[in-house]
Protein backbone atom coordinates (compact mmCIF):
# COMPACT_ATOMS: atom_id res chain seq x y z
CA VAL A 1 0.00 0.00 0.00
CA THR A 2 1.25 3.51 -0.80
CA THR A 3 -0.07 6.60 0.94
CA VAL A 4 0.62 10.34 0.97
CA SER A 5 1.25 11.43 4.58
CA LYS A 6 2.87 10.18 7.76
CA TRP A 7 -0.48 10.16 9.55
CA HIS A 8 -2.06 7.91 6.93
CA LYS A 9 0.98 5.64 6.94
CA GLU A 10 0.79 5.26 10.71
CA LYS A 11 -2.92 4.46 10.60
CA LEU A 12 -2.68 2.03 7.69
CA SER A 13 0.33 0.34 9.25
CA GLU A 14 -1.93 -0.81 12.07
CA LEU A 15 -3.64 -3.01 9.46
CA ASN A 16 -0.85 -3.72 6.99
CA ASN A 17 2.85 -3.95 7.82
CA ASN A 18 3.91 -3.09 4.26
CA VAL A 19 2.92 0.56 3.78
CA GLN A 20 5.10 2.97 1.81
CA LEU A 21 4.99 6.77 2.07
CA ILE A 22 5.16 8.75 -1.17
CA TYR A 23 4.08 12.34 -0.68
CA ASN A 24 1.92 14.48 -2.90
CA GLY A 25 4.59 16.48 -4.72
CA TYR A 26 5.31 19.09 -7.33
CA ALA A 27 6.11 18.98 -11.04
CA PRO A 28 9.66 20.42 -11.28
CA ASP A 29 9.20 21.50 -14.91
CA LEU A 30 6.32 23.78 -13.82
CA PHE A 31 7.14 24.84 -10.26
CA TYR A 32 10.54 26.43 -9.74
CA LYS A 33 12.03 29.70 -8.54
CA ASN A 34 11.24 32.51 -10.99
CA HIS A 35 10.61 35.54 -8.78
CA ILE A 36 9.17 38.71 -10.30
CA ALA A 37 9.09 42.22 -8.81
CA THR A 38 5.59 43.61 -8.24
CA ASP A 39 4.14 47.03 -7.44
CA ARG A 40 1.92 45.54 -4.72
CA PHE A 41 2.50 43.19 -1.81
CA LEU A 42 0.46 40.09 -2.64
CA ILE A 43 -0.64 37.36 -0.24
CA SER A 44 -2.06 34.56 -2.41
CA TYR A 45 -4.13 31.43 -1.97
CA THR A 46 -5.26 29.02 -4.67
CA GLY A 47 -7.74 26.19 -4.19
CA ARG A 48 -10.73 25.47 -2.01
CA ILE A 49 -11.99 26.27 1.49
CA GLU A 50 -14.25 23.43 2.55
CA SER A 51 -15.03 24.96 5.96
CA SER A 52 -13.35 27.13 8.57
CA ASP A 53 -13.01 24.01 10.74
CA ILE A 54 -10.62 22.61 8.15
CA LYS A 55 -9.05 25.77 6.73
CA ASP A 56 -9.15 28.83 8.95
CA PRO A 57 -7.87 32.23 7.69
CA SER A 58 -9.00 34.14 10.79
CA LEU A 59 -5.48 34.65 12.20
CA LEU A 60 -4.42 36.26 8.93
CA PHE A 61 -7.46 38.53 8.84
CA GLU A 62 -7.01 39.56 12.48
CA ALA A 63 -3.33 40.31 11.86
CA VAL A 64 -4.04 42.38 8.74
CA TYR A 65 -6.74 44.35 10.56
CA ASN A 66 -4.35 45.15 13.45
CA LEU A 67 -1.57 46.18 11.07
CA TRP A 68 -4.01 48.41 9.22
CA GLN A 69 -5.27 50.05 12.41
CA THR A 70 -1.68 50.80 13.49
CA ASN A 71 -0.89 52.34 10.06
CA ASN A 72 1.69 49.72 9.12
CA ILE A 73 -0.10 48.67 5.93
CA ASN A 74 -2.85 49.93 3.66
CA PRO A 75 -5.11 48.35 1.03
CA SER A 76 -3.61 50.38 -1.81
CA ASN A 77 -0.48 48.22 -1.91
CA LEU A 78 -1.28 45.09 0.13
CA ARG A 79 -3.76 42.64 -1.35
CA ILE A 80 -4.94 39.21 -0.22
CA GLN A 81 -5.77 37.24 -3.36
CA PHE A 82 -8.02 34.18 -3.27
CA TYR A 83 -8.27 32.09 -6.44
CA LEU A 84 -11.16 29.84 -5.45
CA ILE A 85 -12.65 26.77 -7.11
CA ASP A 86 -16.27 26.94 -5.96
CA GLU A 87 -18.99 29.26 -4.71
CA ASN A 88 -18.95 27.79 -1.19
CA SER A 89 -15.28 28.77 -0.83
CA LYS A 90 -16.10 32.30 -1.97
CA LYS A 91 -19.02 32.54 0.44
CA ILE A 92 -16.86 31.49 3.40
CA THR A 93 -14.12 33.93 2.42
CA ARG A 94 -16.50 36.87 2.03
CA TYR A 95 -18.16 36.13 5.36
CA LEU A 96 -14.87 35.94 7.27
CA ALA A 97 -13.39 38.99 5.53
CA GLN A 98 -16.45 41.02 6.56
CA LYS A 99 -16.43 39.56 10.08
CA TYR A 100 -12.84 40.69 10.61
CA LYS A 101 -13.37 43.99 8.72
CA VAL A 102 -10.70 43.38 6.07
CA GLU A 103 -12.91 43.05 2.99
CA ASN A 104 -11.19 46.10 1.45
CA PHE A 105 -7.92 44.09 1.41
CA VAL A 106 -9.41 40.97 -0.16
CA ASP A 107 -9.72 40.12 -3.86
CA ILE A 108 -11.69 36.99 -4.78
CA PHE A 109 -11.14 35.48 -8.21
CA ASP A 110 -12.34 32.39 -9.99
CA THR A 111 -9.91 29.51 -10.13
CA ILE A 112 -7.31 29.73 -12.87
CA GLU A 113 -5.87 27.24 -15.35
CA SER A 114 -3.24 25.01 -13.78
CA ASN A 115 -0.54 26.25 -16.17
CA LEU A 116 -1.01 29.80 -14.80
CA VAL A 117 -0.60 28.85 -11.13
CA PRO A 118 3.25 28.97 -11.15
CA GLN A 119 3.17 32.56 -12.37
CA VAL A 120 0.74 33.56 -9.60
CA LEU A 121 2.99 31.92 -7.00
CA ASN A 122 6.19 33.54 -8.26
CA ASN A 123 4.47 36.95 -8.40
CA SER A 124 3.32 36.65 -4.80
CA SER A 125 5.02 38.07 -1.70
CA ILE A 126 3.58 35.50 0.73
CA LEU A 127 1.92 32.20 -0.12
CA LEU A 128 -1.03 31.41 2.12
CA LEU A 129 -1.56 27.89 3.39
CA LEU A 130 -4.83 27.34 5.23
CA ALA A 131 -5.11 24.71 7.95
CA ASN A 132 -6.36 24.18 11.49
CA GLU A 133 -5.04 22.49 14.59
CA ALA A 134 -5.02 18.72 14.16
CA GLY A 135 -7.00 16.69 16.66
CA GLN A 136 -9.62 19.30 17.37
CA GLN A 137 -13.31 18.57 16.74
CA ASN A 138 -14.06 18.54 12.99
CA SER A 139 -10.42 19.34 12.20
CA PRO A 140 -8.45 17.45 9.56
CA HIS A 141 -5.92 14.67 10.11
CA GLY A 142 -2.85 14.10 7.99
CA ILE A 143 -3.74 16.52 5.19
CA ILE A 144 -0.57 17.51 3.35
CA GLY A 145 -1.77 18.40 -0.13
CA THR A 146 0.06 19.17 -3.34
CA LYS A 147 -0.19 22.91 -2.68
CA VAL A 148 2.46 23.05 0.05
CA PHE A 149 5.03 21.29 -2.13
CA GLU A 150 4.35 23.63 -5.06
CA TYR A 151 4.77 26.56 -2.67
CA LEU A 152 8.10 25.18 -1.43
CA ALA A 153 9.32 24.61 -4.98
CA VAL A 154 9.00 28.29 -5.96
CA GLN A 155 10.90 29.32 -2.79
CA LYS A 156 8.49 31.98 -1.60
CA PRO A 157 7.62 32.62 2.09
CA ILE A 158 4.76 30.41 3.27
CA LEU A 159 2.33 31.53 5.95
CA CYS A 160 0.33 28.63 7.38
CA VAL A 161 -2.72 29.66 9.38
CA ARG A 162 -3.71 28.17 11.62
CA ASN A 163 -0.76 26.06 12.82
CA ASP A 164 -1.80 22.41 12.64
CA LYS A 165 0.75 21.59 15.40
CA SER A 166 1.48 18.42 13.48
CA TYR A 167 3.00 17.39 10.16
CA LEU A 168 2.59 20.73 8.33
CA GLU A 169 4.40 22.53 11.14
CA GLU A 170 7.14 19.87 10.98
CA LEU A 171 7.45 20.16 7.21
CA LEU A 172 7.78 23.96 7.27
CA ALA A 173 10.37 23.76 10.04
CA ASN A 174 12.45 21.07 8.30
CA SER A 175 12.37 22.91 4.96
CA ASN A 176 12.71 26.43 6.38
CA GLY A 177 9.68 27.15 4.23
CA GLY A 178 8.00 29.76 6.39
CA LEU A 179 5.79 30.10 9.46
CA ALA A 180 3.07 27.90 10.91
CA ALA A 181 1.31 30.59 12.94
CA SER A 182 -0.39 29.99 16.28
CA SER A 183 -1.07 33.60 17.29
CA VAL A 184 -2.02 36.97 15.84
CA THR A 185 1.20 38.48 17.17
CA GLU A 186 3.54 36.14 15.31
CA THR A 187 1.40 36.42 12.17
CA MET A 188 1.73 40.21 12.30
CA ALA A 189 5.50 39.96 12.79
CA PHE A 190 5.89 37.61 9.84
CA ILE A 191 3.84 39.82 7.52
CA LEU A 192 5.73 42.95 8.59
CA GLU A 193 9.10 41.25 8.06
CA LYS A 194 8.18 40.23 4.51
CA TYR A 195 6.45 43.55 3.84
CA THR A 196 9.67 45.39 4.73
CA GLU A 197 11.64 43.06 2.46
CA TRP A 198 9.22 43.79 -0.39
CA GLN A 199 9.48 47.56 0.19
CA GLN A 200 13.26 47.33 -0.05
CA ASN A 201 13.57 44.89 -2.98
CA GLY A 202 10.24 44.89 -4.83
CA LEU A 203 9.89 41.17 -4.12
CA THR A 204 10.38 38.54 -1.44
CA GLY A 205 12.06 35.15 -1.26
CA GLN A 206 12.61 32.34 1.18
CA ASP A 207 15.93 30.66 1.95
CA VAL A 208 14.53 27.14 1.78
CA LYS A 209 16.57 23.96 2.10
CA VAL A 210 16.66 23.06 -1.59
CA GLU A 211 18.09 19.55 -1.18
CA PHE A 212 15.37 18.70 1.33
CA ILE A 213 12.63 19.97 -0.98
CA GLN A 214 13.88 18.00 -3.98
CA GLN A 215 12.64 14.76 -2.38
CA PHE A 216 9.09 15.99 -3.10
CA SER A 217 9.56 16.38 -6.86
CA ARG A 218 7.58 14.08 -9.13
CA LYS A 219 10.86 12.90 -10.63
CA TYR A 220 12.04 11.66 -7.23
CA GLN A 221 8.63 10.12 -6.52
CA ALA A 222 8.74 8.24 -9.83
CA GLN A 223 12.05 6.75 -8.67
CA GLN A 224 10.37 5.71 -5.41
CA PHE A 225 7.64 3.88 -7.33
CA VAL A 226 10.25 2.22 -9.57
CA ALA A 227 12.11 0.98 -6.47
CA ILE A 228 8.89 -0.50 -5.06
CA PHE A 229 8.08 -2.36 -8.28
CA GLU A 230 11.65 -3.56 -8.74
CA ASN A 231 11.56 -4.98 -5.23
CA LEU A 232 8.23 -6.71 -5.98
CA LEU A 233 9.64 -8.21 -9.17
CA GLN A 234 12.76 -9.45 -7.40
CA ASN A 235 10.64 -11.06 -4.70
CA SER A 236 8.46 -12.67 -7.36
CA VAL A 237 11.50 -14.11 -9.14
CA ARG A 238 12.87 -15.50 -5.87
CA LEU A 239 9.52 -17.15 -5.10
CA LYS A 240 9.35 -18.76 -8.54
CA THR A 241 12.94 -19.97 -8.27
CA SER A 242 12.32 -21.55 -4.88
CA CYS A 243 9.19 -23.40 -6.05
């Protein structure tokens, strides 16, 4: 059995002692560092928001509101961009943006063609990863989707809200990919740090651990699958020989 996260491997291993972990990954021919200077500071999210129990942007919205009220940012040059797949995701985003009084910072777009996603990521100043604390009621378990690996591949700062206090936090720490935020204060500090970098350079970047990230490329994952099948074939040959 192959699975895509440590949590799933641990659970499946209770039933089957031959479980292999091969992560969701990124296509290296599409997702790579190609940073572009922009005239606005862009915080970007692409995908779906099933519910705020699973993906909770409230820490980000609270942080942006506080930074706005203290005159550290303004909506003329800081935008939060949501490229959303469905109407439910848009409804949730609009509701929360209004609740936290940051709707004048938020742009909601329809989802875009997959071939345009790398450009959006490389144009962005911060890449938004939405999560929630693992183990809480209605919260997710073991979700490490393709998005985080695509984010890491373009080497842009990742802001994960809310900290899952589990495998996403571990992945961001091991890759030096960004921040898994647990409080408004640290979210504000992270945004201000990157905002200052953007003001100085016109863009931002993240000093990720490139060798660590390369294990999540589809090329590497193909090699993992090859190794599994080669091992199966060798075992099959040995069985036939012994019969």
